[in-house]
Amino acid sequence: MNESEFHQLVDETLDQVESLLDDAETDLDVDLNNGVLTVICENGSRIILTRQTPVKQLWLATRQDGFHFDWQEGEWVENKKGGTLSSRLTEAFKDQAGETLAFSFQ
């Protein structure tokens, strides 16, 4: 995947997350700017997704841990533990915001 394709894929993913959060009836503050999606939960904790162009990864930061994802066979897969972005986001929003949200990226 070249850099342009990577940027497009990440932009689509971040747009999907932002759209899902905007459509959900939650009290989350969502900001998408220059490849960084920041979600501030009601309790003040943050969930952050960032584009990492040099390594062509999407990074997720939660209050529990940080995760690095590679695009593999049509989905974002964590490079060390093998979890998916969808499952990690679902866990993070349940833990930090008390919200049950379903994510799907393909």
N, C-alpha and C. Protein backbone atom coordinates (compact mmCIF):
# COMPACT_ATOMS: atom_id res chain seq x y z
N MET A 1 0.85 -1.16 0.00
CA MET A 1 0.00 0.00 0.00
C MET A 1 0.90 1.23 0.00
N ASN A 2 0.60 2.16 -0.90
CA ASN A 2 1.40 3.38 -0.92
C ASN A 2 0.85 4.40 0.09
N GLU A 3 1.55 5.49 0.26
CA GLU A 3 1.19 6.48 1.27
C GLU A 3 -0.18 7.09 1.02
N SER A 4 -0.49 7.37 -0.23
CA SER A 4 -1.79 7.96 -0.57
C SER A 4 -2.93 7.00 -0.22
N GLU A 5 -2.76 5.74 -0.54
CA GLU A 5 -3.78 4.73 -0.21
C GLU A 5 -3.94 4.61 1.31
N PHE A 6 -2.82 4.64 2.02
CA PHE A 6 -2.86 4.57 3.48
C PHE A 6 -3.64 5.75 4.05
N HIS A 7 -3.34 6.95 3.59
CA HIS A 7 -4.04 8.14 4.09
C HIS A 7 -5.54 8.05 3.83
N GLN A 8 -5.89 7.59 2.64
CA GLN A 8 -7.31 7.45 2.30
C GLN A 8 -8.00 6.44 3.21
N LEU A 9 -7.35 5.32 3.45
CA LEU A 9 -7.91 4.27 4.30
C LEU A 9 -8.09 4.77 5.75
N VAL A 10 -7.08 5.44 6.28
CA VAL A 10 -7.20 5.97 7.64
C VAL A 10 -8.28 7.04 7.70
N ASP A 11 -8.32 7.93 6.72
CA ASP A 11 -9.35 8.97 6.71
C ASP A 11 -10.75 8.37 6.70
N GLU A 12 -10.94 7.32 5.90
CA GLU A 12 -12.24 6.65 5.86
C GLU A 12 -12.58 6.03 7.21
N THR A 13 -11.59 5.40 7.84
CA THR A 13 -11.81 4.78 9.14
C THR A 13 -12.16 5.82 10.19
N LEU A 14 -11.40 6.90 10.25
CA LEU A 14 -11.67 7.96 11.23
C LEU A 14 -13.03 8.60 10.98
N ASP A 15 -13.39 8.80 9.72
CA ASP A 15 -14.71 9.35 9.38
C ASP A 15 -15.83 8.42 9.84
N GLN A 16 -15.61 7.11 9.69
CA GLN A 16 -16.62 6.13 10.13
C GLN A 16 -16.81 6.19 11.64
N VAL A 17 -15.70 6.27 12.37
CA VAL A 17 -15.79 6.36 13.83
C VAL A 17 -16.51 7.64 14.23
N GLU A 18 -16.11 8.76 13.64
CA GLU A 18 -16.73 10.04 13.97
C GLU A 18 -18.23 10.00 13.67
N SER A 19 -18.60 9.46 12.53
CA SER A 19 -20.00 9.38 12.14
C SER A 19 -20.81 8.52 13.11
N LEU A 20 -20.26 7.38 13.48
CA LEU A 20 -20.95 6.50 14.43
C LEU A 20 -21.14 7.20 15.77
N LEU A 21 -20.13 7.90 16.23
CA LEU A 21 -20.23 8.61 17.51
C LEU A 21 -21.20 9.78 17.43
N ASP A 22 -21.24 10.47 16.28
CA ASP A 22 -22.19 11.57 16.11
C ASP A 22 -23.62 11.07 16.11
N ASP A 23 -23.84 9.88 15.52
CA ASP A 23 -25.19 9.31 15.43
C ASP A 23 -25.65 8.69 16.74
N ALA A 24 -24.70 8.28 17.57
CA ALA A 24 -25.05 7.66 18.86
C ALA A 24 -25.54 8.73 19.83
N GLU A 25 -26.43 8.36 20.69
CA GLU A 25 -26.93 9.31 21.69
C GLU A 25 -26.03 9.22 22.91
N THR A 26 -24.90 9.92 22.84
CA THR A 26 -23.91 9.89 23.92
C THR A 26 -23.51 11.32 24.28
N ASP A 27 -22.84 11.45 25.38
CA ASP A 27 -22.30 12.74 25.81
C ASP A 27 -20.79 12.78 25.59
N LEU A 28 -20.36 12.36 24.42
CA LEU A 28 -18.95 12.33 24.07
C LEU A 28 -18.61 13.56 23.25
N ASP A 29 -17.45 14.14 23.52
CA ASP A 29 -16.96 15.27 22.73
C ASP A 29 -15.97 14.70 21.72
N VAL A 30 -16.28 14.86 20.43
CA VAL A 30 -15.48 14.26 19.36
C VAL A 30 -14.84 15.35 18.51
N ASP A 31 -13.52 15.22 18.28
CA ASP A 31 -12.79 16.18 17.45
C ASP A 31 -11.91 15.41 16.48
N LEU A 32 -12.11 15.64 15.18
CA LEU A 32 -11.28 15.03 14.14
C LEU A 32 -10.53 16.13 13.43
N ASN A 33 -9.18 16.04 13.48
CA ASN A 33 -8.36 17.08 12.90
C ASN A 33 -7.02 16.51 12.45
N ASN A 34 -6.71 16.63 11.16
CA ASN A 34 -5.42 16.23 10.60
C ASN A 34 -4.99 14.80 10.97
N GLY A 35 -5.89 13.85 10.81
CA GLY A 35 -5.53 12.46 11.07
C GLY A 35 -5.49 12.07 12.53
N VAL A 36 -6.07 12.91 13.39
CA VAL A 36 -6.14 12.61 14.82
C VAL A 36 -7.61 12.74 15.25
N LEU A 37 -8.15 11.66 15.78
CA LEU A 37 -9.51 11.68 16.32
C LEU A 37 -9.41 11.59 17.83
N THR A 38 -9.90 12.62 18.50
CA THR A 38 -9.87 12.66 19.96
C THR A 38 -11.29 12.62 20.47
N VAL A 39 -11.55 11.69 21.38
CA VAL A 39 -12.85 11.57 22.01
C VAL A 39 -12.66 11.81 23.51
N ILE A 40 -13.38 12.80 24.03
CA ILE A 40 -13.34 13.08 25.45
C ILE A 40 -14.62 12.54 26.07
N CYS A 41 -14.45 11.62 26.99
CA CYS A 41 -15.58 10.99 27.65
C CYS A 41 -16.09 11.89 28.77
N GLU A 42 -17.29 11.59 29.23
CA GLU A 42 -17.91 12.40 30.29
C GLU A 42 -17.05 12.48 31.55
N ASN A 43 -16.30 11.41 31.83
CA ASN A 43 -15.46 11.39 33.03
C ASN A 43 -14.10 12.07 32.81
N GLY A 44 -13.90 12.64 31.62
CA GLY A 44 -12.66 13.36 31.32
C GLY A 44 -11.58 12.51 30.67
N SER A 45 -11.76 11.19 30.65
CA SER A 45 -10.76 10.35 30.00
C SER A 45 -10.85 10.52 28.48
N ARG A 46 -9.78 10.15 27.81
CA ARG A 46 -9.70 10.33 26.35
C ARG A 46 -9.42 9.01 25.65
N ILE A 47 -9.99 8.92 24.46
CA ILE A 47 -9.70 7.84 23.53
C ILE A 47 -9.19 8.54 22.27
N ILE A 48 -7.99 8.17 21.83
CA ILE A 48 -7.37 8.89 20.72
C ILE A 48 -6.92 7.91 19.65
N LEU A 49 -7.31 8.20 18.42
CA LEU A 49 -6.84 7.46 17.24
C LEU A 49 -5.96 8.38 16.43
N THR A 50 -4.77 7.90 16.05
CA THR A 50 -3.85 8.72 15.27
C THR A 50 -3.27 7.94 14.10
N ARG A 51 -3.09 8.66 13.02
CA ARG A 51 -2.45 8.12 11.83
C ARG A 51 -0.94 8.18 12.04
N GLN A 52 -0.25 7.07 11.78
CA GLN A 52 1.20 7.03 11.88
C GLN A 52 1.76 6.67 10.50
N THR A 53 1.94 7.69 9.68
CA THR A 53 2.33 7.50 8.29
C THR A 53 3.66 6.79 8.11
N PRO A 54 4.71 7.12 8.86
CA PRO A 54 6.00 6.46 8.59
C PRO A 54 5.95 4.93 8.69
N VAL A 55 5.11 4.41 9.58
CA VAL A 55 5.02 2.95 9.75
C VAL A 55 3.72 2.39 9.18
N LYS A 56 2.91 3.27 8.56
CA LYS A 56 1.61 2.90 7.98
C LYS A 56 0.75 2.13 8.97
N GLN A 57 0.58 2.73 10.15
CA GLN A 57 -0.24 2.14 11.19
C GLN A 57 -1.26 3.14 11.70
N LEU A 58 -2.30 2.62 12.30
CA LEU A 58 -3.28 3.40 13.01
C LEU A 58 -3.10 3.08 14.48
N TRP A 59 -2.89 4.10 15.31
CA TRP A 59 -2.63 3.89 16.73
C TRP A 59 -3.84 4.30 17.55
N LEU A 60 -4.13 3.52 18.58
CA LEU A 60 -5.22 3.78 19.50
C LEU A 60 -4.64 3.94 20.90
N ALA A 61 -4.96 5.05 21.53
CA ALA A 61 -4.55 5.28 22.92
C ALA A 61 -5.79 5.32 23.79
N THR A 62 -5.78 4.50 24.84
CA THR A 62 -6.87 4.48 25.81
C THR A 62 -6.26 4.65 27.19
N ARG A 63 -7.09 4.76 28.20
CA ARG A 63 -6.51 4.91 29.54
C ARG A 63 -5.88 3.60 30.01
N GLN A 64 -6.23 2.49 29.39
CA GLN A 64 -5.68 1.19 29.77
C GLN A 64 -4.36 0.87 29.08
N ASP A 65 -4.24 1.27 27.79
CA ASP A 65 -3.08 0.82 27.01
C ASP A 65 -3.04 1.56 25.68
N GLY A 66 -1.99 1.30 24.93
CA GLY A 66 -1.85 1.79 23.57
C GLY A 66 -1.79 0.60 22.63
N PHE A 67 -2.36 0.75 21.44
CA PHE A 67 -2.43 -0.35 20.48
C PHE A 67 -2.03 0.16 19.10
N HIS A 68 -1.30 -0.65 18.36
CA HIS A 68 -0.87 -0.31 17.01
C HIS A 68 -1.50 -1.30 16.04
N PHE A 69 -2.13 -0.76 14.99
CA PHE A 69 -2.87 -1.60 14.05
C PHE A 69 -2.31 -1.47 12.64
N ASP A 70 -2.23 -2.62 11.97
CA ASP A 70 -1.85 -2.70 10.57
C ASP A 70 -3.08 -3.12 9.78
N TRP A 71 -3.18 -2.67 8.53
CA TRP A 71 -4.28 -3.09 7.66
C TRP A 71 -3.89 -4.44 7.06
N GLN A 72 -4.67 -5.47 7.41
CA GLN A 72 -4.38 -6.82 6.94
C GLN A 72 -5.67 -7.49 6.48
N GLU A 73 -5.67 -7.93 5.26
CA GLU A 73 -6.79 -8.70 4.71
C GLU A 73 -8.14 -8.05 4.99
N GLY A 74 -8.20 -6.74 4.80
CA GLY A 74 -9.47 -6.03 4.88
C GLY A 74 -9.90 -5.55 6.24
N GLU A 75 -9.00 -5.57 7.24
CA GLU A 75 -9.35 -5.03 8.55
C GLU A 75 -8.10 -4.55 9.29
N TRP A 76 -8.32 -3.70 10.29
CA TRP A 76 -7.24 -3.22 11.14
C TRP A 76 -6.98 -4.25 12.22
N VAL A 77 -5.74 -4.81 12.22
CA VAL A 77 -5.37 -5.86 13.15
C VAL A 77 -4.20 -5.38 13.99
N GLU A 78 -4.33 -5.58 15.30
CA GLU A 78 -3.28 -5.19 16.24
C GLU A 78 -2.02 -5.99 15.94
N ASN A 79 -0.89 -5.31 15.86
CA ASN A 79 0.33 -5.97 15.41
C ASN A 79 0.99 -6.85 16.46
N LYS A 80 0.65 -6.73 17.74
CA LYS A 80 1.30 -7.56 18.76
C LYS A 80 0.38 -8.62 19.35
N LYS A 81 -0.86 -8.25 19.63
CA LYS A 81 -1.76 -9.18 20.30
C LYS A 81 -2.83 -9.77 19.39
N GLY A 82 -2.94 -9.25 18.18
CA GLY A 82 -3.85 -9.82 17.21
C GLY A 82 -5.30 -9.39 17.30
N GLY A 83 -5.65 -8.50 18.24
CA GLY A 83 -7.03 -8.02 18.32
C GLY A 83 -7.34 -7.10 17.16
N THR A 84 -8.60 -6.82 16.95
CA THR A 84 -8.99 -5.92 15.87
C THR A 84 -9.31 -4.53 16.43
N LEU A 85 -9.25 -3.54 15.57
CA LEU A 85 -9.61 -2.19 15.97
C LEU A 85 -11.05 -2.15 16.46
N SER A 86 -11.92 -2.86 15.78
CA SER A 86 -13.34 -2.88 16.18
C SER A 86 -13.50 -3.35 17.62
N SER A 87 -12.85 -4.45 17.96
CA SER A 87 -13.00 -4.99 19.32
C SER A 87 -12.34 -4.09 20.36
N ARG A 88 -11.19 -3.51 20.05
CA ARG A 88 -10.50 -2.63 21.00
C ARG A 88 -11.31 -1.35 21.25
N LEU A 89 -11.91 -0.80 20.20
CA LEU A 89 -12.73 0.39 20.38
C LEU A 89 -13.97 0.08 21.21
N THR A 90 -14.61 -1.06 20.93
CA THR A 90 -15.78 -1.46 21.71
C THR A 90 -15.42 -1.56 23.19
N GLU A 91 -14.28 -2.20 23.49
CA GLU A 91 -13.82 -2.34 24.88
C GLU A 91 -13.54 -0.97 25.50
N ALA A 92 -12.86 -0.11 24.76
CA ALA A 92 -12.48 1.20 25.30
C ALA A 92 -13.71 2.05 25.62
N PHE A 93 -14.69 2.07 24.74
CA PHE A 93 -15.87 2.88 24.99
C PHE A 93 -16.72 2.32 26.13
N LYS A 94 -16.76 1.01 26.26
CA LYS A 94 -17.48 0.41 27.39
C LYS A 94 -16.77 0.77 28.70
N ASP A 95 -15.45 0.64 28.71
CA ASP A 95 -14.66 0.90 29.91
C ASP A 95 -14.65 2.38 30.30
N GLN A 96 -14.40 3.25 29.33
CA GLN A 96 -14.18 4.65 29.65
C GLN A 96 -15.44 5.51 29.62
N ALA A 97 -16.41 5.13 28.79
CA ALA A 97 -17.60 5.97 28.64
C ALA A 97 -18.87 5.26 29.09
N GLY A 98 -18.77 3.97 29.39
CA GLY A 98 -19.96 3.22 29.77
C GLY A 98 -20.93 3.06 28.61
N GLU A 99 -20.41 3.16 27.39
CA GLU A 99 -21.23 3.07 26.18
C GLU A 99 -20.98 1.74 25.47
N THR A 100 -22.06 1.12 25.00
CA THR A 100 -21.94 -0.10 24.21
C THR A 100 -22.13 0.29 22.75
N LEU A 101 -21.03 0.31 22.01
CA LEU A 101 -21.05 0.71 20.61
C LEU A 101 -20.43 -0.41 19.78
N ALA A 102 -20.97 -0.63 18.59
CA ALA A 102 -20.45 -1.66 17.69
C ALA A 102 -19.73 -0.99 16.53
N PHE A 103 -18.49 -1.34 16.32
CA PHE A 103 -17.68 -0.78 15.24
C PHE A 103 -17.40 -1.87 14.21
N SER A 104 -17.33 -1.45 12.95
CA SER A 104 -16.99 -2.39 11.88
C SER A 104 -16.25 -1.61 10.79
N PHE A 105 -15.09 -2.10 10.41
CA PHE A 105 -14.27 -1.43 9.40
C PHE A 105 -13.90 -2.44 8.32
N GLN A 106 -14.30 -2.14 7.11
CA GLN A 106 -13.94 -3.01 5.99
C GLN A 106 -13.94 -2.23 4.71
